[in-house]
N, C-alpha and C. Protein backbone atom coordinates (compact mmCIF):
# COMPACT_ATOMS: atom_id res chain seq x y z
N MET A 1 -2.41 2.23 -3.78
CA MET A 1 -3.18 1.01 -3.85
C MET A 1 -3.57 0.63 -2.43
N HIS A 2 -4.78 0.19 -2.30
CA HIS A 2 -5.25 -0.32 -1.02
C HIS A 2 -5.69 -1.75 -1.23
N LEU A 3 -5.36 -2.59 -0.26
CA LEU A 3 -5.58 -4.02 -0.41
C LEU A 3 -6.02 -4.58 0.93
N VAL A 4 -7.04 -5.41 0.91
CA VAL A 4 -7.48 -6.11 2.12
C VAL A 4 -7.13 -7.57 1.92
N LEU A 5 -6.31 -8.11 2.82
CA LEU A 5 -5.84 -9.49 2.72
C LEU A 5 -6.20 -10.27 3.97
N SER A 6 -6.26 -11.55 3.81
CA SER A 6 -6.36 -12.46 4.94
C SER A 6 -5.14 -13.37 4.85
N ILE A 7 -4.31 -13.34 5.88
CA ILE A 7 -3.05 -14.11 5.88
C ILE A 7 -3.16 -15.21 6.93
N PRO A 8 -2.91 -16.46 6.54
CA PRO A 8 -2.96 -17.56 7.52
C PRO A 8 -1.97 -17.31 8.67
N PRO A 9 -2.31 -17.73 9.88
CA PRO A 9 -1.46 -17.47 11.05
C PRO A 9 -0.05 -18.02 10.96
N LYS A 10 0.16 -19.02 10.11
CA LYS A 10 1.51 -19.60 10.03
C LYS A 10 2.51 -18.68 9.33
N TYR A 11 2.01 -17.60 8.68
CA TYR A 11 2.89 -16.66 7.99
C TYR A 11 3.01 -15.37 8.79
N SER A 12 4.19 -14.80 8.81
CA SER A 12 4.44 -13.52 9.46
C SER A 12 3.84 -12.41 8.60
N VAL A 13 3.08 -11.54 9.25
CA VAL A 13 2.46 -10.43 8.52
C VAL A 13 3.52 -9.56 7.88
N SER A 14 4.54 -9.19 8.63
CA SER A 14 5.57 -8.30 8.08
C SER A 14 6.31 -8.93 6.91
N GLU A 15 6.55 -10.24 6.98
CA GLU A 15 7.21 -10.91 5.86
C GLU A 15 6.32 -10.93 4.63
N MET A 16 5.03 -11.19 4.82
CA MET A 16 4.10 -11.24 3.69
C MET A 16 3.97 -9.86 3.03
N ILE A 17 3.85 -8.82 3.86
CA ILE A 17 3.73 -7.47 3.30
C ILE A 17 5.01 -7.08 2.59
N GLY A 18 6.15 -7.38 3.21
CA GLY A 18 7.44 -7.10 2.57
C GLY A 18 7.58 -7.82 1.24
N PHE A 19 7.16 -9.08 1.20
CA PHE A 19 7.22 -9.86 -0.03
C PHE A 19 6.33 -9.23 -1.11
N LEU A 20 5.08 -8.92 -0.75
CA LEU A 20 4.14 -8.33 -1.72
C LEU A 20 4.64 -6.99 -2.24
N LYS A 21 5.10 -6.14 -1.33
CA LYS A 21 5.59 -4.83 -1.74
C LYS A 21 6.83 -4.95 -2.62
N GLY A 22 7.74 -5.81 -2.21
CA GLY A 22 8.99 -5.96 -2.96
C GLY A 22 8.78 -6.51 -4.35
N LYS A 23 8.07 -7.62 -4.45
CA LYS A 23 7.85 -8.25 -5.75
C LYS A 23 7.01 -7.38 -6.67
N SER A 24 5.98 -6.74 -6.12
CA SER A 24 5.12 -5.92 -6.97
C SER A 24 5.87 -4.67 -7.46
N ALA A 25 6.71 -4.09 -6.61
CA ALA A 25 7.49 -2.92 -7.03
C ALA A 25 8.45 -3.29 -8.16
N ILE A 26 9.12 -4.41 -8.03
CA ILE A 26 10.04 -4.86 -9.07
C ILE A 26 9.30 -5.04 -10.39
N LYS A 27 8.14 -5.69 -10.33
CA LYS A 27 7.36 -5.91 -11.56
C LYS A 27 6.87 -4.60 -12.16
N MET A 28 6.44 -3.68 -11.32
CA MET A 28 5.97 -2.38 -11.82
C MET A 28 7.11 -1.62 -12.51
N PHE A 29 8.29 -1.59 -11.88
CA PHE A 29 9.42 -0.88 -12.47
C PHE A 29 9.89 -1.53 -13.77
N ASP A 30 9.81 -2.86 -13.84
CA ASP A 30 10.19 -3.56 -15.07
C ASP A 30 9.18 -3.31 -16.19
N ARG A 31 7.91 -3.25 -15.84
CA ARG A 31 6.87 -3.11 -16.85
C ARG A 31 6.68 -1.66 -17.31
N TYR A 32 6.78 -0.73 -16.37
CA TYR A 32 6.56 0.69 -16.67
C TYR A 32 7.84 1.46 -16.39
N LEU A 33 8.68 1.58 -17.40
CA LEU A 33 10.01 2.16 -17.25
C LEU A 33 9.97 3.61 -16.78
N ASN A 34 8.91 4.34 -17.11
CA ASN A 34 8.83 5.75 -16.70
C ASN A 34 8.68 5.90 -15.18
N LEU A 35 8.29 4.84 -14.48
CA LEU A 35 8.17 4.92 -13.02
C LEU A 35 9.52 5.11 -12.35
N LYS A 36 10.58 4.61 -12.96
CA LYS A 36 11.92 4.75 -12.38
C LYS A 36 12.31 6.21 -12.26
N LYS A 37 11.86 7.04 -13.20
CA LYS A 37 12.16 8.46 -13.14
C LYS A 37 11.39 9.14 -12.01
N ARG A 38 10.14 8.73 -11.85
CA ARG A 38 9.29 9.36 -10.84
C ARG A 38 9.64 8.88 -9.42
N TYR A 39 9.92 7.61 -9.30
CA TYR A 39 10.21 7.03 -7.98
C TYR A 39 11.68 6.63 -7.93
N TRP A 40 12.56 7.63 -7.98
CA TRP A 40 13.99 7.35 -7.95
C TRP A 40 14.32 6.65 -6.64
N GLY A 41 15.30 5.81 -6.66
CA GLY A 41 15.65 5.01 -5.49
C GLY A 41 14.74 3.82 -5.33
N GLN A 42 13.82 3.65 -6.26
CA GLN A 42 12.87 2.54 -6.28
C GLN A 42 12.09 2.39 -4.98
N HIS A 43 11.63 3.51 -4.44
CA HIS A 43 10.76 3.49 -3.27
C HIS A 43 9.34 3.70 -3.75
N PHE A 44 8.73 2.61 -4.22
CA PHE A 44 7.42 2.68 -4.83
C PHE A 44 6.32 2.72 -3.77
N TRP A 45 6.47 1.95 -2.71
CA TRP A 45 5.45 1.84 -1.67
C TRP A 45 5.77 2.73 -0.48
N ALA A 46 4.74 3.15 0.22
CA ALA A 46 4.93 3.86 1.49
C ALA A 46 5.51 2.88 2.50
N LYS A 47 6.14 3.40 3.54
CA LYS A 47 6.78 2.53 4.52
C LYS A 47 5.78 1.75 5.37
N GLY A 48 4.64 2.34 5.64
CA GLY A 48 3.71 1.71 6.58
C GLY A 48 2.64 0.87 5.93
N TYR A 49 1.88 0.22 6.79
CA TYR A 49 0.70 -0.54 6.37
C TYR A 49 -0.20 -0.72 7.57
N CYS A 50 -1.45 -0.97 7.32
CA CYS A 50 -2.43 -1.16 8.39
C CYS A 50 -2.69 -2.65 8.53
N VAL A 51 -2.67 -3.14 9.75
CA VAL A 51 -2.92 -4.56 10.00
C VAL A 51 -4.05 -4.68 11.01
N GLY A 52 -5.03 -5.46 10.67
CA GLY A 52 -6.12 -5.74 11.61
C GLY A 52 -5.99 -7.17 12.09
N THR A 53 -6.10 -7.35 13.38
CA THR A 53 -6.04 -8.69 13.95
C THR A 53 -7.32 -8.92 14.75
N VAL A 54 -7.30 -9.83 15.69
CA VAL A 54 -8.46 -10.14 16.50
C VAL A 54 -8.98 -8.85 17.14
N GLY A 55 -10.27 -8.61 17.00
CA GLY A 55 -10.87 -7.42 17.60
C GLY A 55 -11.36 -6.43 16.56
N LEU A 56 -10.82 -6.45 15.39
CA LEU A 56 -11.31 -5.60 14.31
C LEU A 56 -12.04 -6.47 13.31
N ASP A 57 -13.19 -6.00 12.89
CA ASP A 57 -13.87 -6.78 11.86
C ASP A 57 -13.53 -6.22 10.48
N GLU A 58 -13.88 -6.96 9.48
CA GLU A 58 -13.51 -6.60 8.11
C GLU A 58 -14.12 -5.26 7.70
N GLU A 59 -15.32 -4.96 8.15
CA GLU A 59 -15.96 -3.69 7.77
C GLU A 59 -15.18 -2.50 8.33
N GLN A 60 -14.65 -2.60 9.55
CA GLN A 60 -13.83 -1.52 10.11
C GLN A 60 -12.58 -1.31 9.26
N ILE A 61 -11.98 -2.39 8.83
CA ILE A 61 -10.78 -2.29 8.00
C ILE A 61 -11.12 -1.65 6.66
N ARG A 62 -12.22 -2.06 6.06
CA ARG A 62 -12.64 -1.47 4.79
C ARG A 62 -12.94 0.02 4.95
N LYS A 63 -13.53 0.42 6.08
CA LYS A 63 -13.77 1.84 6.35
C LYS A 63 -12.45 2.60 6.41
N TYR A 64 -11.45 2.01 7.08
CA TYR A 64 -10.13 2.63 7.14
C TYR A 64 -9.55 2.80 5.74
N VAL A 65 -9.66 1.76 4.90
CA VAL A 65 -9.11 1.83 3.55
C VAL A 65 -9.80 2.93 2.75
N ARG A 66 -11.12 3.03 2.86
CA ARG A 66 -11.84 4.10 2.16
C ARG A 66 -11.41 5.48 2.68
N TRP A 67 -11.23 5.62 4.00
CA TRP A 67 -10.78 6.89 4.59
C TRP A 67 -9.39 7.25 4.07
N GLN A 68 -8.50 6.27 4.03
CA GLN A 68 -7.13 6.50 3.55
C GLN A 68 -7.14 6.92 2.09
N LEU A 69 -8.00 6.31 1.29
CA LEU A 69 -8.10 6.66 -0.12
C LEU A 69 -8.54 8.12 -0.28
N ARG A 70 -9.53 8.54 0.50
CA ARG A 70 -9.96 9.94 0.44
C ARG A 70 -8.84 10.87 0.87
N LYS A 71 -8.13 10.49 1.92
CA LYS A 71 -7.01 11.30 2.41
C LYS A 71 -5.93 11.45 1.34
N ASP A 72 -5.60 10.34 0.66
CA ASP A 72 -4.60 10.37 -0.41
C ASP A 72 -5.05 11.26 -1.56
N LYS A 73 -6.32 11.17 -1.94
CA LYS A 73 -6.84 12.01 -3.02
C LYS A 73 -6.76 13.48 -2.64
N ASP A 74 -7.09 13.80 -1.38
CA ASP A 74 -7.00 15.19 -0.91
C ASP A 74 -5.57 15.70 -0.98
N MET A 75 -4.60 14.86 -0.59
CA MET A 75 -3.20 15.26 -0.64
C MET A 75 -2.76 15.50 -2.07
N ASP A 76 -3.19 14.63 -2.99
CA ASP A 76 -2.85 14.82 -4.40
C ASP A 76 -3.44 16.12 -4.93
N GLN A 77 -4.67 16.42 -4.52
CA GLN A 77 -5.31 17.66 -4.95
C GLN A 77 -4.57 18.88 -4.42
N ASP A 78 -4.13 18.80 -3.15
CA ASP A 78 -3.36 19.90 -2.55
C ASP A 78 -2.05 20.12 -3.31
N LYS A 79 -1.40 19.07 -3.76
CA LYS A 79 -0.15 19.20 -4.50
C LYS A 79 -0.36 19.92 -5.82
N LEU A 80 -1.52 19.68 -6.44
CA LEU A 80 -1.81 20.34 -7.71
C LEU A 80 -2.01 21.85 -7.53
N LEU A 81 -2.51 22.24 -6.37
CA LEU A 81 -2.82 23.64 -6.12
C LEU A 81 -1.60 24.44 -5.67
N THR A 82 -0.55 23.78 -5.22
CA THR A 82 0.64 24.50 -4.74
C THR A 82 1.70 24.62 -5.79
């Protein structure tokens, strides 16, 4: 999943991302029980995330998200071939 957010300055970016990842993973595992088998240890999200601050415009961030999506699709395709 790729997501573009705007977070008010009064909130810590890392706390907000941690909150979103944590709560959404819990809900996904509760709703789709078969995910627990695939993502053992309940590591649903990747460890990293991309953050844009002053100096990057929204279009650059969206370009990064589109690039990452293509990269992820390529990796999934490579897994199918091996």
